[in-house]
Amino acid sequence: MKPPEFPPLPALTRAEGEFVDCYLAVLDQLGRINPAHGSDTYSALRAAQALASGAAALRDALTLMHERGESRIHAATLARTLRVLDGERRAGRVAIPPTAN
């Protein structure tokens, strides 16, 4: 049996790829910190500590893009990339879940 075929990633510069990777890492940490989804303070604490370094890596990726003259963020291309990399599910962990009626 073959593994599922994923859509190809759009062509990105190395800096854009790093930007997306760092953004998703920050989203993952925020999802772990979210009190509406969490189960214990230790996990949230560890995620908060990782968030600080993730935010610095995100800043560095954006700085690199800027220094290389990549002054535009191509939102449509990066949004497509985020969808391929399961960004919608990962971003959903940051949101507060709807109330159960």
PDB file of N, CA and C in Angstrom:
ATOM      1  N   MET A   1       0.839  -1.172   0.000  1.00  0.00           N
ATOM      2  CA  MET A   1       0.000   0.000   0.000  1.00  0.00           C
ATOM      3  C   MET A   1       0.892   1.245   0.000  1.00  0.00           C
ATOM      4  N   LYS A   2       0.594   2.196  -0.864  1.00  0.00           N
ATOM      5  CA  LYS A   2       1.371   3.432  -0.977  1.00  0.00           C
ATOM      6  C   LYS A   2       0.934   4.432   0.085  1.00  0.00           C
ATOM      7  N   PRO A   3       1.886   5.235   0.579  1.00  0.00           N
ATOM      8  CA  PRO A   3       1.488   6.307   1.500  1.00  0.00           C
ATOM      9  C   PRO A   3       0.693   7.365   0.732  1.00  0.00           C
ATOM     10  N   PRO A   4      -0.096   8.184   1.457  1.00  0.00           N
ATOM     11  CA  PRO A   4      -0.902   9.200   0.767  1.00  0.00           C
ATOM     12  C   PRO A   4      -0.006  10.197   0.018  1.00  0.00           C
ATOM     13  N   GLU A   5      -0.499  10.647  -1.108  1.00  0.00           N
ATOM     14  CA  GLU A   5       0.221  11.624  -1.928  1.00  0.00           C
ATOM     15  C   GLU A   5      -0.174  13.026  -1.467  1.00  0.00           C
ATOM     16  N   PHE A   6       0.796  13.780  -1.004  1.00  0.00           N
ATOM     17  CA  PHE A   6       0.545  15.139  -0.565  1.00  0.00           C
ATOM     18  C   PHE A   6       0.770  16.096  -1.722  1.00  0.00           C
ATOM     19  N   PRO A   7       0.031  17.207  -1.750  1.00  0.00           N
ATOM     20  CA  PRO A   7       0.269  18.177  -2.814  1.00  0.00           C
ATOM     21  C   PRO A   7       1.676  18.758  -2.673  1.00  0.00           C
ATOM     22  N   PRO A   8       2.281  19.126  -3.779  1.00  0.00           N
ATOM     23  CA  PRO A   8       3.633  19.682  -3.698  1.00  0.00           C
ATOM     24  C   PRO A   8       3.621  21.065  -3.046  1.00  0.00           C
ATOM     25  N   LEU A   9       4.706  21.366  -2.381  1.00  0.00           N
ATOM     26  CA  LEU A   9       4.857  22.703  -1.807  1.00  0.00           C
ATOM     27  C   LEU A   9       5.136  23.700  -2.921  1.00  0.00           C
ATOM     28  N   PRO A  10       4.616  24.910  -2.799  1.00  0.00           N
ATOM     29  CA  PRO A  10       4.973  25.946  -3.763  1.00  0.00           C
ATOM     30  C   PRO A  10       6.469  26.242  -3.673  1.00  0.00           C
ATOM     31  N   ALA A  11       7.021  26.787  -4.727  1.00  0.00           N
ATOM     32  CA  ALA A  11       8.434  27.169  -4.712  1.00  0.00           C
ATOM     33  C   ALA A  11       8.622  28.343  -3.764  1.00  0.00           C
ATOM     34  N   LEU A  12       9.552  28.180  -2.842  1.00  0.00           N
ATOM     35  CA  LEU A  12       9.849  29.222  -1.848  1.00  0.00           C
ATOM     36  C   LEU A  12      11.344  29.475  -1.836  1.00  0.00           C
ATOM     37  N   THR A  13      11.720  30.675  -1.438  1.00  0.00           N
ATOM     38  CA  THR A  13      13.130  30.909  -1.168  1.00  0.00           C
ATOM     39  C   THR A  13      13.469  30.204   0.134  1.00  0.00           C
ATOM     40  N   ARG A  14      14.737  30.031   0.398  1.00  0.00           N
ATOM     41  CA  ARG A  14      15.143  29.389   1.653  1.00  0.00           C
ATOM     42  C   ARG A  14      14.649  30.205   2.846  1.00  0.00           C
ATOM     43  N   ALA A  15      14.727  31.534   2.724  1.00  0.00           N
ATOM     44  CA  ALA A  15      14.282  32.401   3.818  1.00  0.00           C
ATOM     45  C   ALA A  15      12.771  32.284   4.023  1.00  0.00           C
ATOM     46  N   GLU A  16      11.999  32.196   2.927  1.00  0.00           N
ATOM     47  CA  GLU A  16      10.550  32.017   3.071  1.00  0.00           C
ATOM     48  C   GLU A  16      10.237  30.681   3.730  1.00  0.00           C
ATOM     49  N   GLY A  17      10.965  29.648   3.351  1.00  0.00           N
ATOM     50  CA  GLY A  17      10.772  28.346   3.977  1.00  0.00           C
ATOM     51  C   GLY A  17      11.046  28.389   5.465  1.00  0.00           C
ATOM     52  N   GLU A  18      12.113  29.082   5.837  1.00  0.00           N
ATOM     53  CA  GLU A  18      12.446  29.235   7.262  1.00  0.00           C
ATOM     54  C   GLU A  18      11.369  30.039   7.987  1.00  0.00           C
ATOM     55  N   PHE A  19      10.862  31.079   7.338  1.00  0.00           N
ATOM     56  CA  PHE A  19       9.792  31.902   7.891  1.00  0.00           C
ATOM     57  C   PHE A  19       8.569  31.028   8.190  1.00  0.00           C
ATOM     58  N   VAL A  20       8.152  30.212   7.230  1.00  0.00           N
ATOM     59  CA  VAL A  20       6.987  29.349   7.410  1.00  0.00           C
ATOM     60  C   VAL A  20       7.245  28.326   8.517  1.00  0.00           C
ATOM     61  N   ASP A  21       8.413  27.709   8.504  1.00  0.00           N
ATOM     62  CA  ASP A  21       8.739  26.724   9.541  1.00  0.00           C
ATOM     63  C   ASP A  21       8.693  27.346  10.933  1.00  0.00           C
ATOM     64  N   CYS A  22       9.279  28.525  11.075  1.00  0.00           N
ATOM     65  CA  CYS A  22       9.297  29.200  12.379  1.00  0.00           C
ATOM     66  C   CYS A  22       7.899  29.630  12.798  1.00  0.00           C
ATOM     67  N   TYR A  23       7.112  30.114  11.847  1.00  0.00           N
ATOM     68  CA  TYR A  23       5.742  30.523  12.140  1.00  0.00           C
ATOM     69  C   TYR A  23       4.943  29.330  12.664  1.00  0.00           C
ATOM     70  N   LEU A  24       5.058  28.188  11.995  1.00  0.00           N
ATOM     71  CA  LEU A  24       4.330  27.001  12.433  1.00  0.00           C
ATOM     72  C   LEU A  24       4.812  26.508  13.798  1.00  0.00           C
ATOM     73  N   ALA A  25       6.104  26.630  14.056  1.00  0.00           N
ATOM     74  CA  ALA A  25       6.631  26.237  15.369  1.00  0.00           C
ATOM     75  C   ALA A  25       6.042  27.119  16.472  1.00  0.00           C
ATOM     76  N   VAL A  26       5.932  28.419  16.195  1.00  0.00           N
ATOM     77  CA  VAL A  26       5.323  29.341  17.167  1.00  0.00           C
ATOM     78  C   VAL A  26       3.852  28.987  17.366  1.00  0.00           C
ATOM     79  N   LEU A  27       3.141  28.699  16.270  1.00  0.00           N
ATOM     80  CA  LEU A  27       1.736  28.287  16.396  1.00  0.00           C
ATOM     81  C   LEU A  27       1.597  27.041  17.268  1.00  0.00           C
ATOM     82  N   ASP A  28       2.470  26.067  17.044  1.00  0.00           N
ATOM     83  CA  ASP A  28       2.417  24.840  17.841  1.00  0.00           C
ATOM     84  C   ASP A  28       2.618  25.141  19.321  1.00  0.00           C
ATOM     85  N   GLN A  29       3.548  26.012  19.644  1.00  0.00           N
ATOM     86  CA  GLN A  29       3.795  26.345  21.054  1.00  0.00           C
ATOM     87  C   GLN A  29       2.605  27.092  21.647  1.00  0.00           C
ATOM     88  N   LEU A  30       2.032  28.027  20.884  1.00  0.00           N
ATOM     89  CA  LEU A  30       0.846  28.739  21.376  1.00  0.00           C
ATOM     90  C   LEU A  30      -0.312  27.775  21.613  1.00  0.00           C
ATOM     91  N   GLY A  31      -0.463  26.804  20.736  1.00  0.00           N
ATOM     92  CA  GLY A  31      -1.508  25.799  20.927  1.00  0.00           C
ATOM     93  C   GLY A  31      -1.299  24.995  22.193  1.00  0.00           C
ATOM     94  N   ARG A  32      -0.051  24.714  22.533  1.00  0.00           N
ATOM     95  CA  ARG A  32       0.247  23.957  23.763  1.00  0.00           C
ATOM     96  C   ARG A  32       0.029  24.803  25.019  1.00  0.00           C
ATOM     97  N   ILE A  33       0.171  26.117  24.865  1.00  0.00           N
ATOM     98  CA  ILE A  33      -0.021  27.022  25.997  1.00  0.00           C
ATOM     99  C   ILE A  33      -1.504  27.309  26.237  1.00  0.00           C
ATOM    100  N   ASN A  34      -2.316  27.254  25.202  1.00  0.00           N
ATOM    101  CA  ASN A  34      -3.732  27.622  25.264  1.00  0.00           C
ATOM    102  C   ASN A  34      -4.417  26.924  26.439  1.00  0.00           C
ATOM    103  N   PRO A  35      -4.902  27.693  27.408  1.00  0.00           N
ATOM    104  CA  PRO A  35      -5.524  27.077  28.586  1.00  0.00           C
ATOM    105  C   PRO A  35      -6.814  26.318  28.250  1.00  0.00           C
ATOM    106  N   ALA A  36      -7.435  26.621  27.139  1.00  0.00           N
ATOM    107  CA  ALA A  36      -8.652  25.912  26.756  1.00  0.00           C
ATOM    108  C   ALA A  36      -8.356  24.506  26.236  1.00  0.00           C
ATOM    109  N   HIS A  37      -7.098  24.234  25.896  1.00  0.00           N
ATOM    110  CA  HIS A  37      -6.720  22.923  25.385  1.00  0.00           C
ATOM    111  C   HIS A  37      -5.759  22.181  26.303  1.00  0.00           C
ATOM    112  N   GLY A  38      -5.149  22.882  27.241  1.00  0.00           N
ATOM    113  CA  GLY A  38      -4.098  22.289  28.054  1.00  0.00           C
ATOM    114  C   GLY A  38      -4.617  21.360  29.125  1.00  0.00           C
ATOM    115  N   SER A  39      -3.676  20.590  29.674  1.00  0.00           N
ATOM    116  CA  SER A  39      -4.066  19.674  30.741  1.00  0.00           C
ATOM    117  C   SER A  39      -3.236  19.877  32.009  1.00  0.00           C
ATOM    118  N   ASP A  40      -2.042  20.478  31.869  1.00  0.00           N
ATOM    119  CA  ASP A  40      -1.229  20.692  33.069  1.00  0.00           C
ATOM    120  C   ASP A  40      -0.323  21.912  32.880  1.00  0.00           C
ATOM    121  N   THR A  41       0.079  22.465  34.012  1.00  0.00           N
ATOM    122  CA  THR A  41       0.890  23.682  33.972  1.00  0.00           C
ATOM    123  C   THR A  41       2.306  23.423  33.479  1.00  0.00           C
ATOM    124  N   TYR A  42       2.850  22.246  33.739  1.00  0.00           N
ATOM    125  CA  TYR A  42       4.221  21.967  33.325  1.00  0.00           C
ATOM    126  C   TYR A  42       4.346  21.991  31.797  1.00  0.00           C
ATOM    127  N   SER A  43       3.389  21.390  31.092  1.00  0.00           N
ATOM    128  CA  SER A  43       3.408  21.403  29.622  1.00  0.00           C
ATOM    129  C   SER A  43       3.307  22.825  29.094  1.00  0.00           C
ATOM    130  N   ALA A  44       2.425  23.614  29.708  1.00  0.00           N
ATOM    131  CA  ALA A  44       2.271  25.005  29.285  1.00  0.00           C
ATOM    132  C   ALA A  44       3.546  25.800  29.565  1.00  0.00           C
ATOM    133  N   LEU A  45       4.176  25.548  30.688  1.00  0.00           N
ATOM    134  CA  LEU A  45       5.425  26.226  31.022  1.00  0.00           C
ATOM    135  C   LEU A  45       6.514  25.896  30.007  1.00  0.00           C
ATOM    136  N   ARG A  46       6.665  24.618  29.674  1.00  0.00           N
ATOM    137  CA  ARG A  46       7.680  24.209  28.695  1.00  0.00           C
ATOM    138  C   ARG A  46       7.396  24.832  27.330  1.00  0.00           C
ATOM    139  N   ALA A  47       6.130  24.891  26.943  1.00  0.00           N
ATOM    140  CA  ALA A  47       5.763  25.496  25.661  1.00  0.00           C
ATOM    141  C   ALA A  47       6.046  26.997  25.672  1.00  0.00           C
ATOM    142  N   ALA A  48       5.784  27.649  26.797  1.00  0.00           N
ATOM    143  CA  ALA A  48       6.060  29.087  26.905  1.00  0.00           C
ATOM    144  C   ALA A  48       7.559  29.360  26.808  1.00  0.00           C
ATOM    145  N   GLN A  49       8.363  28.501  27.405  1.00  0.00           N
ATOM    146  CA  GLN A  49       9.815  28.664  27.292  1.00  0.00           C
ATOM    147  C   GLN A  49      10.270  28.473  25.846  1.00  0.00           C
ATOM    148  N   ALA A  50       9.710  27.487  25.161  1.00  0.00           N
ATOM    149  CA  ALA A  50      10.061  27.245  23.758  1.00  0.00           C
ATOM    150  C   ALA A  50       9.539  28.362  22.862  1.00  0.00           C
ATOM    151  N   LEU A  51       8.440  28.979  23.260  1.00  0.00           N
ATOM    152  CA  LEU A  51       7.873  30.074  22.478  1.00  0.00           C
ATOM    153  C   LEU A  51       8.851  31.238  22.351  1.00  0.00           C
ATOM    154  N   ALA A  52       9.559  31.530  23.420  1.00  0.00           N
ATOM    155  CA  ALA A  52      10.519  32.635  23.385  1.00  0.00           C
ATOM    156  C   ALA A  52      11.596  32.397  22.329  1.00  0.00           C
ATOM    157  N   SER A  53      12.151  31.205  22.276  1.00  0.00           N
ATOM    158  CA  SER A  53      13.180  30.930  21.268  1.00  0.00           C
ATOM    159  C   SER A  53      12.561  30.825  19.882  1.00  0.00           C
ATOM    160  N   GLY A  54      11.334  30.335  19.791  1.00  0.00           N
ATOM    161  CA  GLY A  54      10.642  30.271  18.503  1.00  0.00           C
ATOM    162  C   GLY A  54      10.361  31.645  17.941  1.00  0.00           C
ATOM    163  N   ALA A  55       9.978  32.576  18.819  1.00  0.00           N
ATOM    164  CA  ALA A  55       9.728  33.946  18.372  1.00  0.00           C
ATOM    165  C   ALA A  55      11.022  34.598  17.886  1.00  0.00           C
ATOM    166  N   ALA A  56      12.124  34.318  18.554  1.00  0.00           N
ATOM    167  CA  ALA A  56      13.417  34.859  18.117  1.00  0.00           C
ATOM    168  C   ALA A  56      13.812  34.276  16.758  1.00  0.00           C
ATOM    169  N   ALA A  57      13.563  32.990  16.547  1.00  0.00           N
ATOM    170  CA  ALA A  57      13.865  32.369  15.254  1.00  0.00           C
ATOM    171  C   ALA A  57      12.989  32.951  14.152  1.00  0.00           C
ATOM    172  N   LEU A  58      11.729  33.228  14.470  1.00  0.00           N
ATOM    173  CA  LEU A  58      10.822  33.852  13.515  1.00  0.00           C
ATOM    174  C   LEU A  58      11.314  35.248  13.152  1.00  0.00           C
ATOM    175  N   ARG A  59      11.710  36.000  14.161  1.00  0.00           N
ATOM    176  CA  ARG A  59      12.281  37.332  13.924  1.00  0.00           C
ATOM    177  C   ARG A  59      13.514  37.243  13.038  1.00  0.00           C
ATOM    178  N   ASP A  60      14.379  36.284  13.310  1.00  0.00           N
ATOM    179  CA  ASP A  60      15.605  36.126  12.524  1.00  0.00           C
ATOM    180  C   ASP A  60      15.300  35.762  11.074  1.00  0.00           C
ATOM    181  N   ALA A  61      14.296  34.923  10.859  1.00  0.00           N
ATOM    182  CA  ALA A  61      13.919  34.550   9.491  1.00  0.00           C
ATOM    183  C   ALA A  61      13.412  35.766   8.725  1.00  0.00           C
ATOM    184  N   LEU A  62      12.604  36.575   9.373  1.00  0.00           N
ATOM    185  CA  LEU A  62      12.100  37.794   8.728  1.00  0.00           C
ATOM    186  C   LEU A  62      13.219  38.798   8.494  1.00  0.00           C
ATOM    187  N   THR A  63      14.148  38.909   9.431  1.00  0.00           N
ATOM    188  CA  THR A  63      15.295  39.797   9.254  1.00  0.00           C
ATOM    189  C   THR A  63      16.114  39.372   8.050  1.00  0.00           C
ATOM    190  N   LEU A  64      16.340  38.075   7.921  1.00  0.00           N
ATOM    191  CA  LEU A  64      17.098  37.554   6.784  1.00  0.00           C
ATOM    192  C   LEU A  64      16.390  37.868   5.469  1.00  0.00           C
ATOM    193  N   MET A  65      15.085  37.678   5.440  1.00  0.00           N
ATOM    194  CA  MET A  65      14.333  38.010   4.225  1.00  0.00           C
ATOM    195  C   MET A  65      14.522  39.477   3.879  1.00  0.00           C
ATOM    196  N   HIS A  66      14.391  40.328   4.867  1.00  0.00           N
ATOM    197  CA  HIS A  66      14.524  41.771   4.648  1.00  0.00           C
ATOM    198  C   HIS A  66      15.932  42.124   4.161  1.00  0.00           C
ATOM    199  N   GLU A  67      16.939  41.558   4.791  1.00  0.00           N
ATOM    200  CA  GLU A  67      18.319  41.847   4.408  1.00  0.00           C
ATOM    201  C   GLU A  67      18.645  41.368   2.999  1.00  0.00           C
ATOM    202  N   ARG A  68      17.994  40.308   2.551  1.00  0.00           N
ATOM    203  CA  ARG A  68      18.224  39.781   1.201  1.00  0.00           C
ATOM    204  C   ARG A  68      17.414  40.517   0.148  1.00  0.00           C
ATOM    205  N   GLY A  69      16.673  41.524   0.575  1.00  0.00           N
ATOM    206  CA  GLY A  69      15.874  42.285  -0.367  1.00  0.00           C
ATOM    207  C   GLY A  69      14.504  41.700  -0.644  1.00  0.00           C
ATOM    208  N   GLU A  70      14.117  40.693   0.110  1.00  0.00           N
ATOM    209  CA  GLU A  70      12.776  40.122  -0.033  1.00  0.00           C
ATOM    210  C   GLU A  70      11.815  40.984   0.776  1.00  0.00           C
ATOM    211  N   SER A  71      11.375  42.072   0.157  1.00  0.00           N
ATOM    212  CA  SER A  71      10.590  43.057   0.890  1.00  0.00           C
ATOM    213  C   SER A  71       9.093  42.758   0.878  1.00  0.00           C
ATOM    214  N   ARG A  72       8.656  41.803   0.085  1.00  0.00           N
ATOM    215  CA  ARG A  72       7.238  41.483  -0.010  1.00  0.00           C
ATOM    216  C   ARG A  72       6.968  40.085   0.553  1.00  0.00           C
ATOM    217  N   ILE A  73       5.876  39.967   1.262  1.00  0.00           N
ATOM    218  CA  ILE A  73       5.398  38.662   1.700  1.00  0.00           C
ATOM    219  C   ILE A  73       4.323  38.257   0.700  1.00  0.00           C
ATOM    220  N   HIS A  74       4.544  37.175   0.017  1.00  0.00           N
ATOM    221  CA  HIS A  74       3.604  36.682  -0.986  1.00  0.00           C
ATOM    222  C   HIS A  74       2.554  35.831  -0.282  1.00  0.00           C
ATOM    223  N   ALA A  75       1.511  36.520   0.188  1.00  0.00           N
ATOM    224  CA  ALA A  75       0.525  35.899   1.072  1.00  0.00           C
ATOM    225  C   ALA A  75      -0.146  34.686   0.451  1.00  0.00           C
ATOM    226  N   ALA A  76      -0.539  34.762  -0.815  1.00  0.00           N
ATOM    227  CA  ALA A  76      -1.249  33.634  -1.430  1.00  0.00           C
ATOM    228  C   ALA A  76      -0.352  32.388  -1.475  1.00  0.00           C
ATOM    229  N   THR A  77       0.902  32.568  -1.852  1.00  0.00           N
ATOM    230  CA  THR A  77       1.835  31.441  -1.930  1.00  0.00           C
ATOM    231  C   THR A  77       2.106  30.871  -0.542  1.00  0.00           C
ATOM    232  N   LEU A  78       2.332  31.749   0.421  1.00  0.00           N
ATOM    233  CA  LEU A  78       2.617  31.274   1.772  1.00  0.00           C
ATOM    234  C   LEU A  78       1.390  30.640   2.411  1.00  0.00           C
ATOM    235  N   ALA A  79       0.203  31.151   2.114  1.00  0.00           N
ATOM    236  CA  ALA A  79      -1.021  30.533   2.637  1.00  0.00           C
ATOM    237  C   ALA A  79      -1.185  29.127   2.060  1.00  0.00           C
ATOM    238  N   ARG A  80      -0.887  28.961   0.771  1.00  0.00           N
ATOM    239  CA  ARG A  80      -0.953  27.628   0.155  1.00  0.00           C
ATOM    240  C   ARG A  80       0.036  26.689   0.839  1.00  0.00           C
ATOM    241  N   THR A  81       1.215  27.195   1.112  1.00  0.00           N
ATOM    242  CA  THR A  81       2.232  26.403   1.803  1.00  0.00           C
ATOM    243  C   THR A  81       1.745  25.996   3.187  1.00  0.00           C
ATOM    244  N   LEU A  82       1.162  26.933   3.922  1.00  0.00           N
ATOM    245  CA  LEU A  82       0.651  26.633   5.260  1.00  0.00           C
ATOM    246  C   LEU A  82      -0.433  25.561   5.210  1.00  0.00           C
ATOM    247  N   ARG A  83      -1.286  25.617   4.205  1.00  0.00           N
ATOM    248  CA  ARG A  83      -2.332  24.594   4.081  1.00  0.00           C
ATOM    249  C   ARG A  83      -1.733  23.216   3.833  1.00  0.00           C
ATOM    250  N   VAL A  84      -0.735  23.148   2.961  1.00  0.00           N
ATOM    251  CA  VAL A  84      -0.080  21.867   2.675  1.00  0.00           C
ATOM    252  C   VAL A  84       0.564  21.311   3.952  1.00  0.00           C
ATOM    253  N   LEU A  85       1.100  22.191   4.791  1.00  0.00           N
ATOM    254  CA  LEU A  85       1.793  21.779   6.015  1.00  0.00           C
ATOM    255  C   LEU A  85       0.860  21.688   7.225  1.00  0.00           C
ATOM    256  N   ASP A  86      -0.451  21.600   6.979  1.00  0.00           N
ATOM    257  CA  ASP A  86      -1.447  21.405   8.040  1.00  0.00           C
ATOM    258  C   ASP A  86      -1.564  22.615   8.955  1.00  0.00           C
ATOM    259  N   GLY A  87      -1.329  23.795   8.411  1.00  0.00           N
ATOM    260  CA  GLY A  87      -1.378  25.017   9.211  1.00  0.00           C
ATOM    261  C   GLY A  87      -2.749  25.338   9.763  1.00  0.00           C
ATOM    262  N   GLU A  88      -3.810  24.977   9.028  1.00  0.00           N
ATOM    263  CA  GLU A  88      -5.159  25.287   9.519  1.00  0.00           C
ATOM    264  C   GLU A  88      -5.463  24.531  10.810  1.00  0.00           C
ATOM    265  N   ARG A  89      -5.115  23.256  10.854  1.00  0.00           N
ATOM    266  CA  ARG A  89      -5.343  22.482  12.083  1.00  0.00           C
ATOM    267  C   ARG A  89      -4.488  23.021  13.215  1.00  0.00           C
ATOM    268  N   ARG A  90      -3.232  23.324  12.895  1.00  0.00           N
ATOM    269  CA  ARG A  90      -2.314  23.807  13.919  1.00  0.00           C
ATOM    270  C   ARG A  90      -2.756  25.167  14.452  1.00  0.00           C
ATOM    271  N   ALA A  91      -3.260  26.026  13.591  1.00  0.00           N
ATOM    272  CA  ALA A  91      -3.767  27.335  14.033  1.00  0.00           C
ATOM    273  C   ALA A  91      -5.041  27.171  14.853  1.00  0.00           C
ATOM    274  N   GLY A  92      -5.815  26.141  14.560  1.00  0.00           N
ATOM    275  CA  GLY A  92      -7.042  25.896  15.310  1.00  0.00           C
ATOM    276  C   GLY A  92      -6.800  25.601  16.776  1.00  0.00           C
ATOM    277  N   ARG A  93      -5.621  25.091  17.106  1.00  0.00           N
ATOM    278  CA  ARG A  93      -5.292  24.813  18.509  1.00  0.00           C
ATOM    279  C   ARG A  93      -5.119  26.102  19.314  1.00  0.00           C
ATOM    280  N   VAL A  94      -4.903  27.218  18.616  1.00  0.00           N
ATOM    281  CA  VAL A  94      -4.726  28.499  19.297  1.00  0.00           C
ATOM    282  C   VAL A  94      -6.090  29.090  19.677  1.00  0.00           C
ATOM    283  N   ALA A  95      -7.107  28.769  18.900  1.00  0.00           N
ATOM    284  CA  ALA A  95      -8.445  29.325  19.125  1.00  0.00           C
ATOM    285  C   ALA A  95      -9.108  28.693  20.346  1.00  0.00           C
ATOM    286  N   ILE A  96     -10.075  29.407  20.876  1.00  0.00           N
ATOM    287  CA  ILE A  96     -10.896  28.877  21.971  1.00  0.00           C
ATOM    288  C   ILE A  96     -11.986  28.020  21.340  1.00  0.00           C
ATOM    289  N   PRO A  97     -12.149  26.795  21.798  1.00  0.00           N
ATOM    290  CA  PRO A  97     -13.167  25.937  21.196  1.00  0.00           C
ATOM    291  C   PRO A  97     -14.573  26.477  21.450  1.00  0.00           C
ATOM    292  N   PRO A  98     -15.490  26.195  20.535  1.00  0.00           N
ATOM    293  CA  PRO A  98     -16.871  26.668  20.738  1.00  0.00           C
ATOM    294  C   PRO A  98     -17.493  25.994  21.966  1.00  0.00           C
ATOM    295  N   THR A  99     -18.445  26.666  22.550  1.00  0.00           N
ATOM    296  CA  THR A  99     -19.122  26.093  23.721  1.00  0.00           C
ATOM    297  C   THR A  99     -20.014  24.951  23.277  1.00  0.00           C
ATOM    298  N   ALA A 100     -20.087  23.944  24.119  1.00  0.00           N
ATOM    299  CA  ALA A 100     -20.968  22.799  23.855  1.00  0.00           C
ATOM    300  C   ALA A 100     -22.342  23.114  24.402  1.00  0.00           C
ATOM    301  N   ASN A 101     -23.324  23.146  23.536  1.00  0.00           N
ATOM    302  CA  ASN A 101     -24.695  23.441  23.985  1.00  0.00           C
ATOM    303  C   ASN A 101     -25.496  22.197  24.118  1.00  0.00           C
TER     304      ASN A 101
END
